[in-house]
Amino acid sequence: MKYVQQIQILQKVIDYIDEHIKEEIYPKDLANLAGYSPYHFYRLFNRHIGFSIMEYVLRRKLQYALFELANEKKIIEIAMEYGFHTHAGFTKAFKRCFGCPPSLYKLHCPVSRPNRLDLKKLQQKEVGGIILQPKLISRNAFWVAGKMFEIQAGNISFTRDAPAFWEDGGFNDGSVETDLYKLLNPKKHGEYCFNISHDIFENHFTFLFAVDYDHITEIPLEMVKWEIPAATYAVFRTPLVEEDQFVSSIKGTWRYIIEDWLPHSGYEVDENSYDFEYYDEYCHHWEHEKIFMEIHLPVKRKGG
């Protein structure tokens, strides 16, 4: 019974935080709301929520601020409303909390208002065995060649679907893939999809759909070659699914990476390189009953 009461009290506290998210929130006031001494409340909150009280408040402010940004509100207005005095300060705080730049989070995570945190449901939820822990690999610089595609960011609900952009008219008919293999003749089968836009304040995203490049084959005029810097990658494999679930599994894996794995991993995104999706014969639904692909995220140790 005591455990249930604690969850109910903490639910009241986190609901209060959301309701007053644009205001100055003081930990002692939250302890008073909970009816505990500050010392006991801080320990209780950390044990059940997994963060210190003010770290949690900061994370919620950042999530709400990013929601405003994704819906095209001016950064200076957001900074003032949520207590970040400059967009540089906002970006720095975001990277420190989530381990990735706001641009990557904005691209791969929902643009709806942050969901209400339901502690009771979270306690009952069983998670495991869906997305494997990543393998970490070091890769030397390499070259790719392919075609560039730009997506305007005016319609945010569409641009966040860019990881599976090929499904929505980009590569669905296979013509781009066919051209890459026909014109570039790579030795190894496998296509890359790079997001080469890093800046959250741009009004578009630029994607490169490419294959390995050997420096020998002449590049057609409609294609470009691109050097990918040396980096350490966390490599994630999407769950094995049937074809009709493939796109949602890609989006879901990205959400898991950005929202669950990265903030707790001890790593942050290495912005000197590029994240990419990798598709090979294992995502050929005409060859396999269930398919998967890989997401490669360049990472470095936090503070490294």
C-alpha atoms as a PDB file:
ATOM      1  CA  MET A   1       0.000   0.000   0.000  1.00  0.00           C
ATOM      2  CA  LYS A   2       2.855   2.354   0.838  1.00  0.00           C
ATOM      3  CA  TYR A   3       4.354   1.806  -2.640  1.00  0.00           C
ATOM      4  CA  VAL A   4       1.016   2.612  -4.315  1.00  0.00           C
ATOM      5  CA  GLN A   5       0.684   5.783  -2.260  1.00  0.00           C
ATOM      6  CA  GLN A   6       4.183   6.881  -3.227  1.00  0.00           C
ATOM      7  CA  ILE A   7       3.387   6.417  -6.922  1.00  0.00           C
ATOM      8  CA  GLN A   8       0.193   8.420  -6.520  1.00  0.00           C
ATOM      9  CA  ILE A   9       2.055  11.246  -4.781  1.00  0.00           C
ATOM     10  CA  LEU A  10       4.811  11.300  -7.408  1.00  0.00           C
ATOM     11  CA  GLN A  11       2.178  11.313 -10.153  1.00  0.00           C
ATOM     12  CA  LYS A  12       0.702  14.427  -8.555  1.00  0.00           C
ATOM     13  CA  VAL A  13       4.163  16.046  -8.558  1.00  0.00           C
ATOM     14  CA  ILE A  14       5.022  15.301 -12.185  1.00  0.00           C
ATOM     15  CA  ASP A  15       1.553  16.435 -13.287  1.00  0.00           C
ATOM     16  CA  TYR A  16       2.169  19.695 -11.426  1.00  0.00           C
ATOM     17  CA  ILE A  17       5.505  20.114 -13.236  1.00  0.00           C
ATOM     18  CA  ASP A  18       3.824  19.747 -16.627  1.00  0.00           C
ATOM     19  CA  GLU A  19       1.058  22.170 -15.664  1.00  0.00           C
ATOM     20  CA  HIS A  20       3.616  24.807 -14.601  1.00  0.00           C
ATOM     21  CA  ILE A  21       6.318  23.969 -17.143  1.00  0.00           C
ATOM     22  CA  LYS A  22       6.917  27.588 -18.209  1.00  0.00           C
ATOM     23  CA  GLU A  23       7.241  28.810 -14.635  1.00  0.00           C
ATOM     24  CA  GLU A  24      10.194  28.773 -12.254  1.00  0.00           C
ATOM     25  CA  ILE A  25       9.937  25.481 -10.356  1.00  0.00           C
ATOM     26  CA  TYR A  26      11.654  25.043  -6.984  1.00  0.00           C
ATOM     27  CA  PRO A  27      12.438  21.602  -5.514  1.00  0.00           C
ATOM     28  CA  LYS A  28      11.381  22.617  -1.989  1.00  0.00           C
ATOM     29  CA  ASP A  29       7.929  23.572  -3.295  1.00  0.00           C
ATOM     30  CA  LEU A  30       7.599  20.134  -4.899  1.00  0.00           C
ATOM     31  CA  ALA A  31       8.630  18.473  -1.637  1.00  0.00           C
ATOM     32  CA  ASN A  32       5.938  20.467   0.167  1.00  0.00           C
ATOM     33  CA  LEU A  33       3.402  19.410  -2.455  1.00  0.00           C
ATOM     34  CA  ALA A  34       4.360  15.782  -1.864  1.00  0.00           C
ATOM     35  CA  GLY A  35       4.190  16.178   1.912  1.00  0.00           C
ATOM     36  CA  TYR A  36       7.770  14.992   2.513  1.00  0.00           C
ATOM     37  CA  SER A  37      10.925  16.597   3.824  1.00  0.00           C
ATOM     38  CA  PRO A  38      13.191  17.764   0.957  1.00  0.00           C
ATOM     39  CA  TYR A  39      15.796  15.094   1.774  1.00  0.00           C
ATOM     40  CA  HIS A  40      13.275  12.228   1.771  1.00  0.00           C
ATOM     41  CA  PHE A  41      11.452  13.562  -1.280  1.00  0.00           C
ATOM     42  CA  TYR A  42      14.624  13.905  -3.367  1.00  0.00           C
ATOM     43  CA  ARG A  43      15.606  10.296  -2.603  1.00  0.00           C
ATOM     44  CA  LEU A  44      12.098   9.022  -3.307  1.00  0.00           C
ATOM     45  CA  PHE A  45      11.866  10.889  -6.606  1.00  0.00           C
ATOM     46  CA  ASN A  46      15.255   9.686  -7.800  1.00  0.00           C
ATOM     47  CA  ARG A  47      14.483   6.080  -6.881  1.00  0.00           C
ATOM     48  CA  HIS A  48      11.172   5.944  -8.766  1.00  0.00           C
ATOM     49  CA  ILE A  49      11.792   8.370 -11.667  1.00  0.00           C
ATOM     50  CA  GLY A  50      15.488   7.713 -12.285  1.00  0.00           C
ATOM     51  CA  PHE A  51      16.546  11.388 -12.313  1.00  0.00           C
ATOM     52  CA  SER A  52      17.159  14.060  -9.734  1.00  0.00           C
ATOM     53  CA  ILE A  53      14.174  16.365  -9.412  1.00  0.00           C
ATOM     54  CA  MET A  54      15.757  19.342 -11.205  1.00  0.00           C
ATOM     55  CA  GLU A  55      17.265  17.182 -13.934  1.00  0.00           C
ATOM     56  CA  TYR A  56      13.774  15.864 -14.612  1.00  0.00           C
ATOM     57  CA  VAL A  57      12.336  19.411 -14.663  1.00  0.00           C
ATOM     58  CA  LEU A  58      15.024  20.490 -17.125  1.00  0.00           C
ATOM     59  CA  ARG A  59      14.338  17.518 -19.405  1.00  0.00           C
ATOM     60  CA  ARG A  60      10.606  18.236 -19.446  1.00  0.00           C
ATOM     61  CA  LYS A  61      11.238  21.905 -20.225  1.00  0.00           C
ATOM     62  CA  LEU A  62      13.485  20.895 -23.119  1.00  0.00           C
ATOM     63  CA  GLN A  63      10.892  18.459 -24.479  1.00  0.00           C
ATOM     64  CA  TYR A  64       8.176  21.107 -24.384  1.00  0.00           C
ATOM     65  CA  ALA A  65      10.523  23.705 -25.869  1.00  0.00           C
ATOM     66  CA  LEU A  66      11.377  21.368 -28.739  1.00  0.00           C
ATOM     67  CA  PHE A  67       7.667  20.815 -29.377  1.00  0.00           C
ATOM     68  CA  GLU A  68       7.295  24.588 -29.753  1.00  0.00           C
ATOM     69  CA  LEU A  69      10.320  24.727 -32.055  1.00  0.00           C
ATOM     70  CA  ALA A  70       9.065  21.859 -34.220  1.00  0.00           C
ATOM     71  CA  ASN A  71       5.868  23.812 -34.707  1.00  0.00           C
ATOM     72  CA  GLU A  72       7.836  26.774 -36.047  1.00  0.00           C
ATOM     73  CA  LYS A  73       7.800  29.072 -33.050  1.00  0.00           C
ATOM     74  CA  LYS A  74      10.778  31.445 -32.964  1.00  0.00           C
ATOM     75  CA  ILE A  75      13.726  30.217 -30.931  1.00  0.00           C
ATOM     76  CA  ILE A  76      14.147  33.481 -29.010  1.00  0.00           C
ATOM     77  CA  GLU A  77      10.499  33.307 -27.870  1.00  0.00           C
ATOM     78  CA  ILE A  78      10.985  29.703 -26.760  1.00  0.00           C
ATOM     79  CA  ALA A  79      14.196  30.569 -24.927  1.00  0.00           C
ATOM     80  CA  MET A  80      12.494  33.303 -22.958  1.00  0.00           C
ATOM     81  CA  GLU A  81       9.403  31.227 -22.146  1.00  0.00           C
ATOM     82  CA  TYR A  82      11.312  28.189 -20.884  1.00  0.00           C
ATOM     83  CA  GLY A  83      14.228  29.917 -19.205  1.00  0.00           C
ATOM     84  CA  PHE A  84      16.896  29.544 -21.925  1.00  0.00           C
ATOM     85  CA  HIS A  85      18.210  33.010 -22.707  1.00  0.00           C
ATOM     86  CA  THR A  86      19.844  32.154 -26.065  1.00  0.00           C
ATOM     87  CA  HIS A  87      19.389  29.412 -28.648  1.00  0.00           C
ATOM     88  CA  ALA A  88      23.032  28.488 -28.032  1.00  0.00           C
ATOM     89  CA  GLY A  89      22.158  27.908 -24.383  1.00  0.00           C
ATOM     90  CA  PHE A  90      19.137  25.859 -25.410  1.00  0.00           C
ATOM     91  CA  THR A  91      21.254  23.679 -27.725  1.00  0.00           C
ATOM     92  CA  LYS A  92      23.968  23.210 -25.102  1.00  0.00           C
ATOM     93  CA  ALA A  93      21.438  22.159 -22.458  1.00  0.00           C
ATOM     94  CA  PHE A  94      19.743  19.806 -24.896  1.00  0.00           C
ATOM     95  CA  LYS A  95      22.976  18.062 -25.854  1.00  0.00           C
ATOM     96  CA  ARG A  96      23.949  17.735 -22.207  1.00  0.00           C
ATOM     97  CA  CYS A  97      20.622  16.131 -21.280  1.00  0.00           C
ATOM     98  CA  PHE A  98      19.873  13.951 -24.301  1.00  0.00           C
ATOM     99  CA  GLY A  99      23.285  13.325 -25.861  1.00  0.00           C
ATOM    100  CA  CYS A 100      22.221  14.516 -29.295  1.00  0.00           C
ATOM    101  CA  PRO A 101      21.636  17.841 -31.036  1.00  0.00           C
ATOM    102  CA  PRO A 102      18.061  19.163 -31.183  1.00  0.00           C
ATOM    103  CA  SER A 103      18.079  18.680 -34.967  1.00  0.00           C
ATOM    104  CA  LEU A 104      18.402  14.892 -34.666  1.00  0.00           C
ATOM    105  CA  TYR A 105      15.729  14.669 -31.993  1.00  0.00           C
ATOM    106  CA  LYS A 106      13.396  16.878 -34.003  1.00  0.00           C
ATOM    107  CA  LEU A 107      13.827  14.737 -37.106  1.00  0.00           C
ATOM    108  CA  HIS A 108      13.175  11.349 -35.531  1.00  0.00           C
ATOM    109  CA  CYS A 109      10.807  11.956 -32.628  1.00  0.00           C
ATOM    110  CA  PRO A 110       7.160  12.979 -32.387  1.00  0.00           C
ATOM    111  CA  VAL A 111       6.204  16.597 -32.906  1.00  0.00           C
ATOM    112  CA  SER A 112       3.088  16.352 -30.785  1.00  0.00           C
ATOM    113  CA  ARG A 113       2.981  17.754 -27.268  1.00  0.00           C
ATOM    114  CA  PRO A 114       5.002  15.539 -24.859  1.00  0.00           C
ATOM    115  CA  ASN A 115       2.905  12.670 -23.577  1.00  0.00           C
ATOM    116  CA  ARG A 116       1.711  12.708 -19.996  1.00  0.00           C
ATOM    117  CA  LEU A 117       3.949  10.480 -17.914  1.00  0.00           C
ATOM    118  CA  ASP A 118       1.761   7.761 -16.363  1.00  0.00           C
ATOM    119  CA  LEU A 119       3.785   6.151 -13.570  1.00  0.00           C
ATOM    120  CA  LYS A 120       1.328   3.337 -12.960  1.00  0.00           C
ATOM    121  CA  LYS A 121       1.404   2.234 -16.592  1.00  0.00           C
ATOM    122  CA  LEU A 122       5.194   2.540 -16.735  1.00  0.00           C
ATOM    123  CA  GLN A 123       5.523   0.279 -13.729  1.00  0.00           C
ATOM    124  CA  GLN A 124       3.288  -2.317 -15.382  1.00  0.00           C
ATOM    125  CA  LYS A 125       4.939  -2.130 -18.799  1.00  0.00           C
ATOM    126  CA  GLU A 126       7.180  -5.021 -19.788  1.00  0.00           C
ATOM    127  CA  VAL A 127       9.936  -4.120 -22.201  1.00  0.00           C
ATOM    128  CA  GLY A 128      12.670  -6.318 -23.621  1.00  0.00           C
ATOM    129  CA  GLY A 129      13.869  -8.335 -26.537  1.00  0.00           C
ATOM    130  CA  ILE A 130      12.491  -6.031 -29.205  1.00  0.00           C
ATOM    131  CA  ILE A 131      15.506  -3.920 -30.093  1.00  0.00           C
ATOM    132  CA  LEU A 132      18.913  -5.410 -29.338  1.00  0.00           C
ATOM    133  CA  GLN A 133      21.649  -3.384 -27.717  1.00  0.00           C
ATOM    134  CA  PRO A 134      23.914  -1.859 -30.361  1.00  0.00           C
ATOM    135  CA  LYS A 135      27.326  -3.089 -31.341  1.00  0.00           C
ATOM    136  CA  LEU A 136      30.065  -0.446 -31.336  1.00  0.00           C
ATOM    137  CA  ILE A 137      32.371  -0.382 -34.340  1.00  0.00           C
ATOM    138  CA  SER A 138      35.158   1.939 -35.450  1.00  0.00           C
ATOM    139  CA  ARG A 139      35.174   2.711 -39.131  1.00  0.00           C
ATOM    140  CA  ASN A 140      37.783   4.514 -41.219  1.00  0.00           C
ATOM    141  CA  ALA A 141      36.763   7.335 -43.531  1.00  0.00           C
ATOM    142  CA  PHE A 142      35.019   6.055 -46.652  1.00  0.00           C
ATOM    143  CA  TRP A 143      33.508   7.396 -49.851  1.00  0.00           C
ATOM    144  CA  VAL A 144      30.005   7.012 -51.196  1.00  0.00           C
ATOM    145  CA  ALA A 145      28.265   8.279 -54.316  1.00  0.00           C
ATOM    146  CA  GLY A 146      24.624   8.773 -55.073  1.00  0.00           C
ATOM    147  CA  LYS A 147      21.720  11.174 -55.468  1.00  0.00           C
ATOM    148  CA  MET A 148      20.719  14.115 -53.293  1.00  0.00           C
ATOM    149  CA  PHE A 149      17.128  14.731 -52.212  1.00  0.00           C
ATOM    150  CA  GLU A 150      15.766  17.753 -50.373  1.00  0.00           C
ATOM    151  CA  ILE A 151      12.637  17.838 -48.225  1.00  0.00           C
ATOM    152  CA  GLN A 152      11.193  21.186 -47.230  1.00  0.00           C
ATOM    153  CA  ALA A 153      10.642  21.505 -43.499  1.00  0.00           C
ATOM    154  CA  GLY A 154       7.521  23.629 -43.738  1.00  0.00           C
ATOM    155  CA  ASN A 155       5.369  20.583 -43.070  1.00  0.00           C
ATOM    156  CA  ILE A 156       6.997  19.202 -39.941  1.00  0.00           C
ATOM    157  CA  SER A 157       4.708  16.196 -39.712  1.00  0.00           C
ATOM    158  CA  PHE A 158       6.124  15.029 -43.032  1.00  0.00           C
ATOM    159  CA  THR A 159       9.785  15.845 -42.460  1.00  0.00           C
ATOM    160  CA  ARG A 160       9.881  13.768 -39.321  1.00  0.00           C
ATOM    161  CA  ASP A 161       8.972  10.816 -41.548  1.00  0.00           C
ATOM    162  CA  ALA A 162      12.134  11.379 -43.571  1.00  0.00           C
ATOM    163  CA  PRO A 163      13.907   8.257 -42.226  1.00  0.00           C
ATOM    164  CA  ALA A 164      11.437   6.248 -44.263  1.00  0.00           C
ATOM    165  CA  PHE A 165      11.224   8.911 -46.976  1.00  0.00           C
ATOM    166  CA  TRP A 166      11.712   6.353 -49.721  1.00  0.00           C
ATOM    167  CA  GLU A 167       8.334   4.825 -48.894  1.00  0.00           C
ATOM    168  CA  ASP A 168       6.477   8.064 -49.565  1.00  0.00           C
ATOM    169  CA  GLY A 169       7.530   8.648 -53.138  1.00  0.00           C
ATOM    170  CA  GLY A 170      11.298   8.918 -52.757  1.00  0.00           C
ATOM    171  CA  PHE A 171      12.584   5.438 -53.575  1.00  0.00           C
ATOM    172  CA  ASN A 172       9.474   3.307 -53.490  1.00  0.00           C
ATOM    173  CA  ASP A 173       9.564   2.261 -57.126  1.00  0.00           C
ATOM    174  CA  GLY A 174      13.199   1.130 -56.932  1.00  0.00           C
ATOM    175  CA  SER A 175      14.335   3.348 -59.798  1.00  0.00           C
ATOM    176  CA  VAL A 176      16.966   5.218 -57.757  1.00  0.00           C
ATOM    177  CA  GLU A 177      18.403   1.980 -56.408  1.00  0.00           C
ATOM    178  CA  THR A 178      18.505   0.517 -59.926  1.00  0.00           C
ATOM    179  CA  ASP A 179      20.310   3.581 -61.266  1.00  0.00           C
ATOM    180  CA  LEU A 180      22.923   3.480 -58.508  1.00  0.00           C
ATOM    181  CA  TYR A 181      23.885  -0.120 -59.211  1.00  0.00           C
ATOM    182  CA  LYS A 182      23.740   0.279 -62.970  1.00  0.00           C
ATOM    183  CA  LEU A 183      25.800   3.474 -63.153  1.00  0.00           C
ATOM    184  CA  LEU A 184      28.216   3.016 -60.220  1.00  0.00           C
ATOM    185  CA  ASN A 185      28.555  -0.780 -60.110  1.00  0.00           C
ATOM    186  CA  PRO A 186      29.614  -1.033 -56.426  1.00  0.00           C
ATOM    187  CA  LYS A 187      31.443  -4.197 -55.368  1.00  0.00           C
ATOM    188  CA  LYS A 188      29.252  -4.698 -52.305  1.00  0.00           C
ATOM    189  CA  HIS A 189      25.470  -4.681 -52.169  1.00  0.00           C
ATOM    190  CA  GLY A 190      24.037  -2.139 -49.740  1.00  0.00           C
ATOM    191  CA  GLU A 191      22.470   1.323 -49.874  1.00  0.00           C
ATOM    192  CA  TYR A 192      23.044   4.195 -47.484  1.00  0.00           C
ATOM    193  CA  CYS A 193      20.619   6.963 -46.588  1.00  0.00           C
ATOM    194  CA  PHE A 194      22.473   9.897 -44.999  1.00  0.00           C
ATOM    195  CA  ASN A 195      20.960  12.968 -43.424  1.00  0.00           C
ATOM    196  CA  ILE A 196      23.585  15.584 -44.207  1.00  0.00           C
ATOM    197  CA  SER A 197      21.695  18.486 -42.621  1.00  0.00           C
ATOM    198  CA  HIS A 198      22.848  19.169 -39.075  1.00  0.00           C
ATOM    199  CA  ASP A 199      21.286  22.552 -38.372  1.00  0.00           C
ATOM    200  CA  ILE A 200      17.913  22.577 -36.632  1.00  0.00           C
ATOM    201  CA  PHE A 201      17.266  26.117 -37.873  1.00  0.00           C
ATOM    202  CA  GLU A 202      17.338  25.246 -41.575  1.00  0.00           C
ATOM    203  CA  ASN A 203      14.003  25.097 -43.374  1.00  0.00           C
ATOM    204  CA  HIS A 204      14.807  21.860 -45.161  1.00  0.00           C
ATOM    205  CA  PHE A 205      16.539  18.491 -44.792  1.00  0.00           C
ATOM    206  CA  THR A 206      19.029  17.159 -47.330  1.00  0.00           C
ATOM    207  CA  PHE A 207      19.398  13.420 -47.833  1.00  0.00           C
ATOM    208  CA  LEU A 208      21.963  11.462 -49.795  1.00  0.00           C
ATOM    209  CA  PHE A 209      20.907   8.042 -51.057  1.00  0.00           C
ATOM    210  CA  ALA A 210      24.154   6.310 -51.996  1.00  0.00           C
ATOM    211  CA  VAL A 211      26.313   3.222 -52.419  1.00  0.00           C
ATOM    212  CA  ASP A 212      30.021   2.601 -51.839  1.00  0.00           C
ATOM    213  CA  TYR A 213      32.276   4.472 -54.265  1.00  0.00           C
ATOM    214  CA  ASP A 214      35.608   3.120 -55.535  1.00  0.00           C
ATOM    215  CA  HIS A 215      37.129   6.349 -56.980  1.00  0.00           C
ATOM    216  CA  ILE A 216      37.457   4.614 -60.358  1.00  0.00           C
ATOM    217  CA  THR A 217      33.964   4.739 -61.799  1.00  0.00           C
ATOM    218  CA  GLU A 218      33.055   8.044 -63.416  1.00  0.00           C
ATOM    219  CA  ILE A 219      30.314   9.893 -61.557  1.00  0.00           C
ATOM    220  CA  PRO A 220      27.280  10.780 -63.721  1.00  0.00           C
ATOM    221  CA  LEU A 221      26.303  14.456 -63.726  1.00  0.00           C
ATOM    222  CA  GLU A 222      23.118  13.841 -61.765  1.00  0.00           C
ATOM    223  CA  MET A 223      25.051  12.229 -58.883  1.00  0.00           C
ATOM    224  CA  VAL A 224      27.543  13.371 -56.253  1.00  0.00           C
ATOM    225  CA  LYS A 225      30.367  11.763 -54.311  1.00  0.00           C
ATOM    226  CA  TRP A 226      30.756  12.331 -50.587  1.00  0.00           C
ATOM    227  CA  GLU A 227      33.453  11.506 -48.027  1.00  0.00           C
ATOM    228  CA  ILE A 228      32.245  10.146 -44.692  1.00  0.00           C
ATOM    229  CA  PRO A 229      34.751  10.888 -41.886  1.00  0.00           C
ATOM    230  CA  ALA A 230      36.213   8.203 -39.639  1.00  0.00           C
ATOM    231  CA  ALA A 231      33.989   7.592 -36.631  1.00  0.00           C
ATOM    232  CA  THR A 232      32.852   5.169 -33.973  1.00  0.00           C
ATOM    233  CA  TYR A 233      29.293   3.979 -34.603  1.00  0.00           C
ATOM    234  CA  ALA A 234      26.606   2.485 -32.423  1.00  0.00           C
ATOM    235  CA  VAL A 235      24.930   0.069 -34.838  1.00  0.00           C
ATOM    236  CA  PHE A 236      21.301  -0.833 -34.201  1.00  0.00           C
ATOM    237  CA  ARG A 237      19.292  -3.504 -35.993  1.00  0.00           C
ATOM    238  CA  THR A 238      15.574  -3.042 -36.427  1.00  0.00           C
ATOM    239  CA  PRO A 239      13.304  -5.883 -35.281  1.00  0.00           C
ATOM    240  CA  LEU A 240      12.563  -8.681 -37.740  1.00  0.00           C
ATOM    241  CA  VAL A 241       9.177  -7.776 -39.247  1.00  0.00           C
ATOM    242  CA  GLU A 242       7.047  -8.421 -42.284  1.00  0.00           C
ATOM    243  CA  GLU A 243       7.083  -5.913 -45.139  1.00  0.00           C
ATOM    244  CA  ASP A 244       3.998  -3.959 -44.081  1.00  0.00           C
ATOM    245  CA  GLN A 245       5.569  -3.252 -40.667  1.00  0.00           C
ATOM    246  CA  PHE A 246       9.012  -2.290 -41.969  1.00  0.00           C
ATOM    247  CA  VAL A 247       8.618   1.498 -42.091  1.00  0.00           C
ATOM    248  CA  SER A 248       7.021   1.710 -38.650  1.00  0.00           C
ATOM    249  CA  SER A 249       9.801  -0.484 -37.233  1.00  0.00           C
ATOM    250  CA  ILE A 250      12.412   1.939 -38.597  1.00  0.00           C
ATOM    251  CA  LYS A 251      10.679   4.919 -37.047  1.00  0.00           C
ATOM    252  CA  GLY A 252      10.180   3.037 -33.792  1.00  0.00           C
ATOM    253  CA  THR A 253      13.848   2.060 -33.639  1.00  0.00           C
ATOM    254  CA  TRP A 254      14.880   5.677 -34.156  1.00  0.00           C
ATOM    255  CA  ARG A 255      12.590   6.725 -31.324  1.00  0.00           C
ATOM    256  CA  TYR A 256      14.079   4.054 -29.059  1.00  0.00           C
ATOM    257  CA  ILE A 257      17.602   5.260 -29.887  1.00  0.00           C
ATOM    258  CA  ILE A 258      16.903   8.938 -29.310  1.00  0.00           C
ATOM    259  CA  GLU A 259      14.475   8.731 -26.400  1.00  0.00           C
ATOM    260  CA  ASP A 260      15.622   5.636 -24.485  1.00  0.00           C
ATOM    261  CA  TRP A 261      19.114   4.421 -25.357  1.00  0.00           C
ATOM    262  CA  LEU A 262      21.126   7.577 -26.001  1.00  0.00           C
ATOM    263  CA  PRO A 263      20.234   9.604 -22.869  1.00  0.00           C
ATOM    264  CA  HIS A 264      21.323   6.714 -20.610  1.00  0.00           C
ATOM    265  CA  SER A 265      24.209   5.283 -22.635  1.00  0.00           C
ATOM    266  CA  GLY A 266      27.171   7.414 -21.581  1.00  0.00           C
ATOM    267  CA  TYR A 267      27.564   8.430 -25.234  1.00  0.00           C
ATOM    268  CA  GLU A 268      26.583  11.471 -27.256  1.00  0.00           C
ATOM    269  CA  VAL A 269      26.278  11.998 -30.998  1.00  0.00           C
ATOM    270  CA  ASP A 270      29.566  12.798 -32.753  1.00  0.00           C
ATOM    271  CA  GLU A 271      28.512  15.723 -34.917  1.00  0.00           C
ATOM    272  CA  ASN A 272      31.732  15.582 -36.923  1.00  0.00           C
ATOM    273  CA  SER A 273      30.268  12.661 -38.848  1.00  0.00           C
ATOM    274  CA  TYR A 274      26.868  11.595 -40.194  1.00  0.00           C
ATOM    275  CA  ASP A 275      24.226   9.160 -39.020  1.00  0.00           C
ATOM    276  CA  PHE A 276      22.891   6.841 -41.694  1.00  0.00           C
ATOM    277  CA  GLU A 277      20.473   4.040 -42.439  1.00  0.00           C
ATOM    278  CA  TYR A 278      21.891   0.987 -44.180  1.00  0.00           C
ATOM    279  CA  TYR A 279      19.824  -1.315 -46.383  1.00  0.00           C
ATOM    280  CA  ASP A 280      21.183  -4.565 -47.828  1.00  0.00           C
ATOM    281  CA  GLU A 281      19.778  -7.878 -49.043  1.00  0.00           C
ATOM    282  CA  TYR A 282      18.281  -8.576 -45.596  1.00  0.00           C
ATOM    283  CA  CYS A 283      15.589  -5.974 -46.281  1.00  0.00           C
ATOM    284  CA  HIS A 284      14.529  -7.640 -49.549  1.00  0.00           C
ATOM    285  CA  HIS A 285      11.011  -8.807 -48.784  1.00  0.00           C
ATOM    286  CA  TRP A 286      10.937 -10.898 -51.963  1.00  0.00           C
ATOM    287  CA  GLU A 287      13.811 -12.993 -50.593  1.00  0.00           C
ATOM    288  CA  HIS A 288      12.997 -13.114 -46.874  1.00  0.00           C
ATOM    289  CA  GLU A 289       9.784 -13.676 -44.979  1.00  0.00           C
ATOM    290  CA  LYS A 290      10.870 -11.130 -42.363  1.00  0.00           C
ATOM    291  CA  ILE A 291      13.254  -8.251 -42.956  1.00  0.00           C
ATOM    292  CA  PHE A 292      15.450  -5.773 -41.070  1.00  0.00           C
ATOM    293  CA  MET A 293      17.921  -2.936 -41.667  1.00  0.00           C
ATOM    294  CA  GLU A 294      20.609  -1.116 -39.666  1.00  0.00           C
ATOM    295  CA  ILE A 295      20.888   2.369 -38.207  1.00  0.00           C
ATOM    296  CA  HIS A 296      24.442   3.648 -37.686  1.00  0.00           C
ATOM    297  CA  LEU A 297      24.827   6.489 -35.200  1.00  0.00           C
ATOM    298  CA  PRO A 298      28.254   8.163 -34.831  1.00  0.00           C
ATOM    299  CA  VAL A 299      29.001   8.453 -31.118  1.00  0.00           C
ATOM    300  CA  LYS A 300      31.664   9.560 -28.666  1.00  0.00           C
ATOM    301  CA  ARG A 301      31.970   9.298 -24.916  1.00  0.00           C
ATOM    302  CA  LYS A 302      30.206  12.112 -23.076  1.00  0.00           C
ATOM    303  CA  GLY A 303      32.704  14.716 -22.067  1.00  0.00           C
ATOM    304  CA  GLY A 304      35.297  13.105 -24.326  1.00  0.00           C
END
